[in-house]
Amino acid sequence: RFTISRDNAKNTVYLQMDSLKPEDTA
């Protein structure tokens, strides 16, 4: 459901969260 990725040129890491569930609340 979740995918992590990074763009070193932008000094950025991403977390794509799909099919979210109430249990993901945090």
PDB file of all heavy atoms in Angstrom:
ATOM      1  N   ARG A   1       0.812  -1.215   0.000  1.00  0.00           N
ATOM      2  CA  ARG A   1       0.000   0.000   0.000  1.00  0.00           C
ATOM      3  C   ARG A   1       0.845   1.264   0.000  1.00  0.00           C
ATOM      4  O   ARG A   1       0.472   2.265  -0.601  1.00  0.00           O
ATOM      5  CB  ARG A   1      -0.927   0.029   1.211  1.00  0.00           C
ATOM      6  CG  ARG A   1      -1.905  -1.137   1.257  1.00  0.00           C
ATOM      7  CD  ARG A   1      -2.938  -0.958   2.372  1.00  0.00           C
ATOM      8  NE  ARG A   1      -2.318  -0.910   3.689  1.00  0.00           N
ATOM      9  CZ  ARG A   1      -2.367   0.146   4.505  1.00  0.00           C
ATOM     10  NH1 ARG A   1      -3.027   1.243   4.133  1.00  0.00           N
ATOM     11  NH2 ARG A   1      -1.778   0.099   5.690  1.00  0.00           N
ATOM     12  N   PHE A   2       1.983   1.223   0.687  1.00  0.00           N
ATOM     13  CA  PHE A   2       2.858   2.387   0.792  1.00  0.00           C
ATOM     14  C   PHE A   2       4.105   2.172  -0.052  1.00  0.00           C
ATOM     15  O   PHE A   2       4.595   1.049  -0.190  1.00  0.00           O
ATOM     16  CB  PHE A   2       3.295   2.619   2.242  1.00  0.00           C
ATOM     17  CG  PHE A   2       2.211   3.086   3.175  1.00  0.00           C
ATOM     18  CD1 PHE A   2       0.874   3.101   2.797  1.00  0.00           C
ATOM     19  CD2 PHE A   2       2.547   3.517   4.451  1.00  0.00           C
ATOM     20  CE1 PHE A   2      -0.114   3.534   3.668  1.00  0.00           C
ATOM     21  CE2 PHE A   2       1.570   3.954   5.324  1.00  0.00           C
ATOM     22  CZ  PHE A   2       0.242   3.962   4.942  1.00  0.00           C
ATOM     23  N   THR A   3       4.637   3.250  -0.580  1.00  0.00           N
ATOM     24  CA  THR A   3       5.858   3.195  -1.368  1.00  0.00           C
ATOM     25  C   THR A   3       6.788   4.327  -0.963  1.00  0.00           C
ATOM     26  O   THR A   3       6.388   5.490  -0.965  1.00  0.00           O
ATOM     27  CB  THR A   3       5.566   3.307  -2.872  1.00  0.00           C
ATOM     28  OG1 THR A   3       4.646   2.285  -3.268  1.00  0.00           O
ATOM     29  CG2 THR A   3       6.859   3.152  -3.676  1.00  0.00           C
ATOM     30  N   ILE A   4       8.012   3.982  -0.622  1.00  0.00           N
ATOM     31  CA  ILE A   4       9.010   4.987  -0.303  1.00  0.00           C
ATOM     32  C   ILE A   4       9.907   5.204  -1.518  1.00  0.00           C
ATOM     33  O   ILE A   4      10.211   4.265  -2.255  1.00  0.00           O
ATOM     34  CB  ILE A   4       9.846   4.579   0.931  1.00  0.00           C
ATOM     35  CG1 ILE A   4      10.728   5.742   1.394  1.00  0.00           C
ATOM     36  CG2 ILE A   4      10.671   3.326   0.662  1.00  0.00           C
ATOM     37  CD1 ILE A   4      11.418   5.490   2.734  1.00  0.00           C
ATOM     38  N   SER A   5      10.302   6.437  -1.725  1.00  0.00           N
ATOM     39  CA  SER A   5      11.223   6.759  -2.799  1.00  0.00           C
ATOM     40  C   SER A   5      12.062   7.958  -2.382  1.00  0.00           C
ATOM     41  O   SER A   5      11.749   8.631  -1.399  1.00  0.00           O
ATOM     42  CB  SER A   5      10.472   7.048  -4.106  1.00  0.00           C
ATOM     43  OG  SER A   5       9.611   8.163  -3.970  1.00  0.00           O
ATOM     44  N   ARG A   6      13.124   8.204  -3.120  1.00  0.00           N
ATOM     45  CA  ARG A   6      13.955   9.354  -2.798  1.00  0.00           C
ATOM     46  C   ARG A   6      14.474   9.991  -4.065  1.00  0.00           C
ATOM     47  O   ARG A   6      14.642   9.338  -5.102  1.00  0.00           O
ATOM     48  CB  ARG A   6      15.118   8.961  -1.877  1.00  0.00           C
ATOM     49  CG  ARG A   6      16.158   8.048  -2.511  1.00  0.00           C
ATOM     50  CD  ARG A   6      17.139   7.524  -1.458  1.00  0.00           C
ATOM     51  NE  ARG A   6      17.935   8.591  -0.871  1.00  0.00           N
ATOM     52  CZ  ARG A   6      18.572   8.498   0.303  1.00  0.00           C
ATOM     53  NH1 ARG A   6      18.481   7.370   1.014  1.00  0.00           N
ATOM     54  NH2 ARG A   6      19.287   9.521   0.758  1.00  0.00           N
ATOM     55  N   ASP A   7      14.724  11.276  -3.976  1.00  0.00           N
ATOM     56  CA  ASP A   7      15.322  12.041  -5.051  1.00  0.00           C
ATOM     57  C   ASP A   7      16.526  12.741  -4.447  1.00  0.00           C
ATOM     58  O   ASP A   7      16.393  13.770  -3.785  1.00  0.00           O
ATOM     59  CB  ASP A   7      14.329  13.042  -5.629  1.00  0.00           C
ATOM     60  CG  ASP A   7      14.854  13.755  -6.855  1.00  0.00           C
ATOM     61  OD1 ASP A   7      16.083  13.801  -7.055  1.00  0.00           O
ATOM     62  OD2 ASP A   7      14.028  14.282  -7.632  1.00  0.00           O
ATOM     63  N   ASN A   8      17.694  12.168  -4.664  1.00  0.00           N
ATOM     64  CA  ASN A   8      18.896  12.708  -4.037  1.00  0.00           C
ATOM     65  C   ASN A   8      19.245  14.100  -4.546  1.00  0.00           C
ATOM     66  O   ASN A   8      19.858  14.889  -3.829  1.00  0.00           O
ATOM     67  CB  ASN A   8      20.068  11.754  -4.246  1.00  0.00           C
ATOM     68  CG  ASN A   8      19.977  10.527  -3.361  1.00  0.00           C
ATOM     69  OD1 ASN A   8      19.087  10.420  -2.518  1.00  0.00           O
ATOM     70  ND2 ASN A   8      20.892   9.592  -3.551  1.00  0.00           N
ATOM     71  N   ALA A   9      18.869  14.406  -5.777  1.00  0.00           N
ATOM     72  CA  ALA A   9      19.121  15.734  -6.320  1.00  0.00           C
ATOM     73  C   ALA A   9      18.313  16.800  -5.598  1.00  0.00           C
ATOM     74  O   ALA A   9      18.703  17.968  -5.571  1.00  0.00           O
ATOM     75  CB  ALA A   9      18.817  15.766  -7.808  1.00  0.00           C
ATOM     76  N   LYS A  10      17.182  16.400  -5.014  1.00  0.00           N
ATOM     77  CA  LYS A  10      16.321  17.333  -4.296  1.00  0.00           C
ATOM     78  C   LYS A  10      16.412  17.179  -2.787  1.00  0.00           C
ATOM     79  O   LYS A  10      15.685  17.852  -2.057  1.00  0.00           O
ATOM     80  CB  LYS A  10      14.865  17.152  -4.731  1.00  0.00           C
ATOM     81  CG  LYS A  10      14.609  17.474  -6.189  1.00  0.00           C
ATOM     82  CD  LYS A  10      13.136  17.285  -6.535  1.00  0.00           C
ATOM     83  CE  LYS A  10      12.866  17.650  -7.982  1.00  0.00           C
ATOM     84  NZ  LYS A  10      11.437  17.451  -8.339  1.00  0.00           N
ATOM     85  N   ASN A  11      17.277  16.295  -2.324  1.00  0.00           N
ATOM     86  CA  ASN A  11      17.401  16.019  -0.889  1.00  0.00           C
ATOM     87  C   ASN A  11      16.048  15.691  -0.265  1.00  0.00           C
ATOM     88  O   ASN A  11      15.728  16.132   0.844  1.00  0.00           O
ATOM     89  CB  ASN A  11      18.036  17.206  -0.158  1.00  0.00           C
ATOM     90  CG  ASN A  11      19.529  17.308  -0.380  1.00  0.00           C
ATOM     91  OD1 ASN A  11      20.095  16.646  -1.241  1.00  0.00           O
ATOM     92  ND2 ASN A  11      20.179  18.153   0.393  1.00  0.00           N
ATOM     93  N   THR A  12      15.278  14.903  -0.969  1.00  0.00           N
ATOM     94  CA  THR A  12      13.904  14.649  -0.556  1.00  0.00           C
ATOM     95  C   THR A  12      13.580  13.163  -0.582  1.00  0.00           C
ATOM     96  O   THR A  12      13.974  12.450  -1.511  1.00  0.00           O
ATOM     97  CB  THR A  12      12.917  15.396  -1.464  1.00  0.00           C
ATOM     98  OG1 THR A  12      13.201  16.803  -1.415  1.00  0.00           O
ATOM     99  CG2 THR A  12      11.481  15.172  -1.014  1.00  0.00           C
ATOM    100  N   VAL A  13      12.875  12.727   0.433  1.00  0.00           N
ATOM    101  CA  VAL A  13      12.328  11.384   0.471  1.00  0.00           C
ATOM    102  C   VAL A  13      10.812  11.500   0.511  1.00  0.00           C
ATOM    103  O   VAL A  13      10.266  12.425   1.117  1.00  0.00           O
ATOM    104  CB  VAL A  13      12.871  10.579   1.675  1.00  0.00           C
ATOM    105  CG1 VAL A  13      12.459  11.214   3.000  1.00  0.00           C
ATOM    106  CG2 VAL A  13      12.420   9.123   1.602  1.00  0.00           C
ATOM    107  N   TYR A  14      10.144  10.560  -0.144  1.00  0.00           N
ATOM    108  CA  TYR A  14       8.698  10.589  -0.262  1.00  0.00           C
ATOM    109  C   TYR A  14       8.085   9.328   0.329  1.00  0.00           C
ATOM    110  O   TYR A  14       8.707   8.267   0.360  1.00  0.00           O
ATOM    111  CB  TYR A  14       8.267  10.681  -1.724  1.00  0.00           C
ATOM    112  CG  TYR A  14       8.846  11.855  -2.469  1.00  0.00           C
ATOM    113  CD1 TYR A  14      10.005  11.716  -3.226  1.00  0.00           C
ATOM    114  CD2 TYR A  14       8.237  13.101  -2.424  1.00  0.00           C
ATOM    115  CE1 TYR A  14      10.541  12.785  -3.916  1.00  0.00           C
ATOM    116  CE2 TYR A  14       8.767  14.177  -3.109  1.00  0.00           C
ATOM    117  CZ  TYR A  14       9.918  14.019  -3.852  1.00  0.00           C
ATOM    118  OH  TYR A  14      10.442  15.090  -4.537  1.00  0.00           O
ATOM    119  N   LEU A  15       6.861   9.466   0.768  1.00  0.00           N
ATOM    120  CA  LEU A  15       6.069   8.310   1.166  1.00  0.00           C
ATOM    121  C   LEU A  15       4.719   8.409   0.474  1.00  0.00           C
ATOM    122  O   LEU A  15       3.894   9.251   0.835  1.00  0.00           O
ATOM    123  CB  LEU A  15       5.885   8.245   2.683  1.00  0.00           C
ATOM    124  CG  LEU A  15       5.064   7.057   3.187  1.00  0.00           C
ATOM    125  CD1 LEU A  15       5.750   5.736   2.836  1.00  0.00           C
ATOM    126  CD2 LEU A  15       4.837   7.145   4.691  1.00  0.00           C
ATOM    127  N   GLN A  16       4.528   7.572  -0.519  1.00  0.00           N
ATOM    128  CA  GLN A  16       3.245   7.487  -1.203  1.00  0.00           C
ATOM    129  C   GLN A  16       2.376   6.491  -0.460  1.00  0.00           C
ATOM    130  O   GLN A  16       2.747   5.321  -0.321  1.00  0.00           O
ATOM    131  CB  GLN A  16       3.435   7.042  -2.653  1.00  0.00           C
ATOM    132  CG  GLN A  16       2.139   6.875  -3.435  1.00  0.00           C
ATOM    133  CD  GLN A  16       1.430   8.190  -3.666  1.00  0.00           C
ATOM    134  OE1 GLN A  16       2.054   9.185  -3.991  1.00  0.00           O
ATOM    135  NE2 GLN A  16       0.114   8.194  -3.490  1.00  0.00           N
ATOM    136  N   MET A  17       1.245   6.943   0.017  1.00  0.00           N
ATOM    137  CA  MET A  17       0.348   6.120   0.805  1.00  0.00           C
ATOM    138  C   MET A  17      -0.958   5.943   0.037  1.00  0.00           C
ATOM    139  O   MET A  17      -1.688   6.906  -0.180  1.00  0.00           O
ATOM    140  CB  MET A  17       0.079   6.747   2.172  1.00  0.00           C
ATOM    141  CG  MET A  17       1.346   7.025   2.968  1.00  0.00           C
ATOM    142  SD  MET A  17       1.010   7.641   4.635  1.00  0.00           S
ATOM    143  CE  MET A  17       0.279   9.227   4.234  1.00  0.00           C
ATOM    144  N   ASP A  18      -1.220   4.724  -0.362  1.00  0.00           N
ATOM    145  CA  ASP A  18      -2.436   4.385  -1.089  1.00  0.00           C
ATOM    146  C   ASP A  18      -3.291   3.445  -0.253  1.00  0.00           C
ATOM    147  O   ASP A  18      -2.815   2.820   0.687  1.00  0.00           O
ATOM    148  CB  ASP A  18      -2.103   3.716  -2.424  1.00  0.00           C
ATOM    149  CG  ASP A  18      -1.322   4.598  -3.364  1.00  0.00           C
ATOM    150  OD1 ASP A  18      -1.608   5.816  -3.423  1.00  0.00           O
ATOM    151  OD2 ASP A  18      -0.420   4.076  -4.059  1.00  0.00           O
ATOM    152  N   SER A  19      -4.550   3.341  -0.628  1.00  0.00           N
ATOM    153  CA  SER A  19      -5.484   2.457   0.075  1.00  0.00           C
ATOM    154  C   SER A  19      -5.428   2.676   1.576  1.00  0.00           C
ATOM    155  O   SER A  19      -5.332   1.731   2.369  1.00  0.00           O
ATOM    156  CB  SER A  19      -5.184   0.992  -0.267  1.00  0.00           C
ATOM    157  OG  SER A  19      -5.282   0.763  -1.657  1.00  0.00           O
ATOM    158  N   LEU A  20      -5.506   3.919   1.972  1.00  0.00           N
ATOM    159  CA  LEU A  20      -5.374   4.263   3.377  1.00  0.00           C
ATOM    160  C   LEU A  20      -6.488   3.651   4.213  1.00  0.00           C
ATOM    161  O   LEU A  20      -7.635   3.544   3.772  1.00  0.00           O
ATOM    162  CB  LEU A  20      -5.367   5.772   3.550  1.00  0.00           C
ATOM    163  CG  LEU A  20      -4.048   6.455   3.188  1.00  0.00           C
ATOM    164  CD1 LEU A  20      -4.256   7.946   3.001  1.00  0.00           C
ATOM    165  CD2 LEU A  20      -3.003   6.192   4.278  1.00  0.00           C
ATOM    166  N   LYS A  21      -6.110   3.275   5.416  1.00  0.00           N
ATOM    167  CA  LYS A  21      -7.027   2.690   6.381  1.00  0.00           C
ATOM    168  C   LYS A  21      -7.065   3.556   7.627  1.00  0.00           C
ATOM    169  O   LYS A  21      -6.094   4.252   7.927  1.00  0.00           O
ATOM    170  CB  LYS A  21      -6.569   1.279   6.764  1.00  0.00           C
ATOM    171  CG  LYS A  21      -6.430   0.313   5.613  1.00  0.00           C
ATOM    172  CD  LYS A  21      -5.876  -1.016   6.103  1.00  0.00           C
ATOM    173  CE  LYS A  21      -5.732  -2.002   4.973  1.00  0.00           C
ATOM    174  NZ  LYS A  21      -5.185  -3.300   5.454  1.00  0.00           N
ATOM    175  N   PRO A  22      -8.155   3.510   8.377  1.00  0.00           N
ATOM    176  CA  PRO A  22      -8.186   4.255   9.640  1.00  0.00           C
ATOM    177  C   PRO A  22      -7.021   3.901  10.564  1.00  0.00           C
ATOM    178  O   PRO A  22      -6.555   4.772  11.309  1.00  0.00           O
ATOM    179  CB  PRO A  22      -9.526   3.839  10.254  1.00  0.00           C
ATOM    180  CG  PRO A  22     -10.385   3.534   9.074  1.00  0.00           C
ATOM    181  CD  PRO A  22      -9.459   2.894   8.076  1.00  0.00           C
ATOM    182  N   GLU A  23      -6.553   2.675  10.507  1.00  0.00           N
ATOM    183  CA  GLU A  23      -5.427   2.247  11.325  1.00  0.00           C
ATOM    184  C   GLU A  23      -4.123   2.950  10.963  1.00  0.00           C
ATOM    185  O   GLU A  23      -3.150   2.870  11.714  1.00  0.00           O
ATOM    186  CB  GLU A  23      -5.221   0.730  11.212  1.00  0.00           C
ATOM    187  CG  GLU A  23      -6.461  -0.089  11.499  1.00  0.00           C
ATOM    188  CD  GLU A  23      -7.231  -0.425  10.234  1.00  0.00           C
ATOM    189  OE1 GLU A  23      -8.056   0.418   9.807  1.00  0.00           O
ATOM    190  OE2 GLU A  23      -7.017  -1.520   9.672  1.00  0.00           O
ATOM    191  N   ASP A  24      -4.091   3.618   9.820  1.00  0.00           N
ATOM    192  CA  ASP A  24      -2.907   4.369   9.420  1.00  0.00           C
ATOM    193  C   ASP A  24      -2.830   5.734  10.089  1.00  0.00           C
ATOM    194  O   ASP A  24      -1.826   6.433   9.941  1.00  0.00           O
ATOM    195  CB  ASP A  24      -2.877   4.560   7.905  1.00  0.00           C
ATOM    196  CG  ASP A  24      -2.756   3.254   7.152  1.00  0.00           C
ATOM    197  OD1 ASP A  24      -1.989   2.375   7.591  1.00  0.00           O
ATOM    198  OD2 ASP A  24      -3.434   3.111   6.106  1.00  0.00           O
ATOM    199  N   THR A  25      -3.879   6.120  10.789  1.00  0.00           N
ATOM    200  CA  THR A  25      -3.895   7.410  11.463  1.00  0.00           C
ATOM    201  C   THR A  25      -2.776   7.488  12.490  1.00  0.00           C
ATOM    202  O   THR A  25      -2.673   6.648  13.379  1.00  0.00           O
ATOM    203  CB  THR A  25      -5.245   7.640  12.148  1.00  0.00           C
ATOM    204  OG1 THR A  25      -6.274   7.714  11.158  1.00  0.00           O
ATOM    205  CG2 THR A  25      -5.238   8.937  12.946  1.00  0.00           C
ATOM    206  N   ALA A  26      -1.932   8.490  12.350  1.00  0.00           N
ATOM    207  CA  ALA A  26      -0.774   8.641  13.225  1.00  0.00           C
ATOM    208  C   ALA A  26      -0.037   9.915  12.849  1.00  0.00           C
ATOM    209  O   ALA A  26      -0.312  10.529  11.811  1.00  0.00           O
ATOM    210  CB  ALA A  26       0.175   7.444  13.085  1.00  0.00           C
TER     211      ALA A  26
END
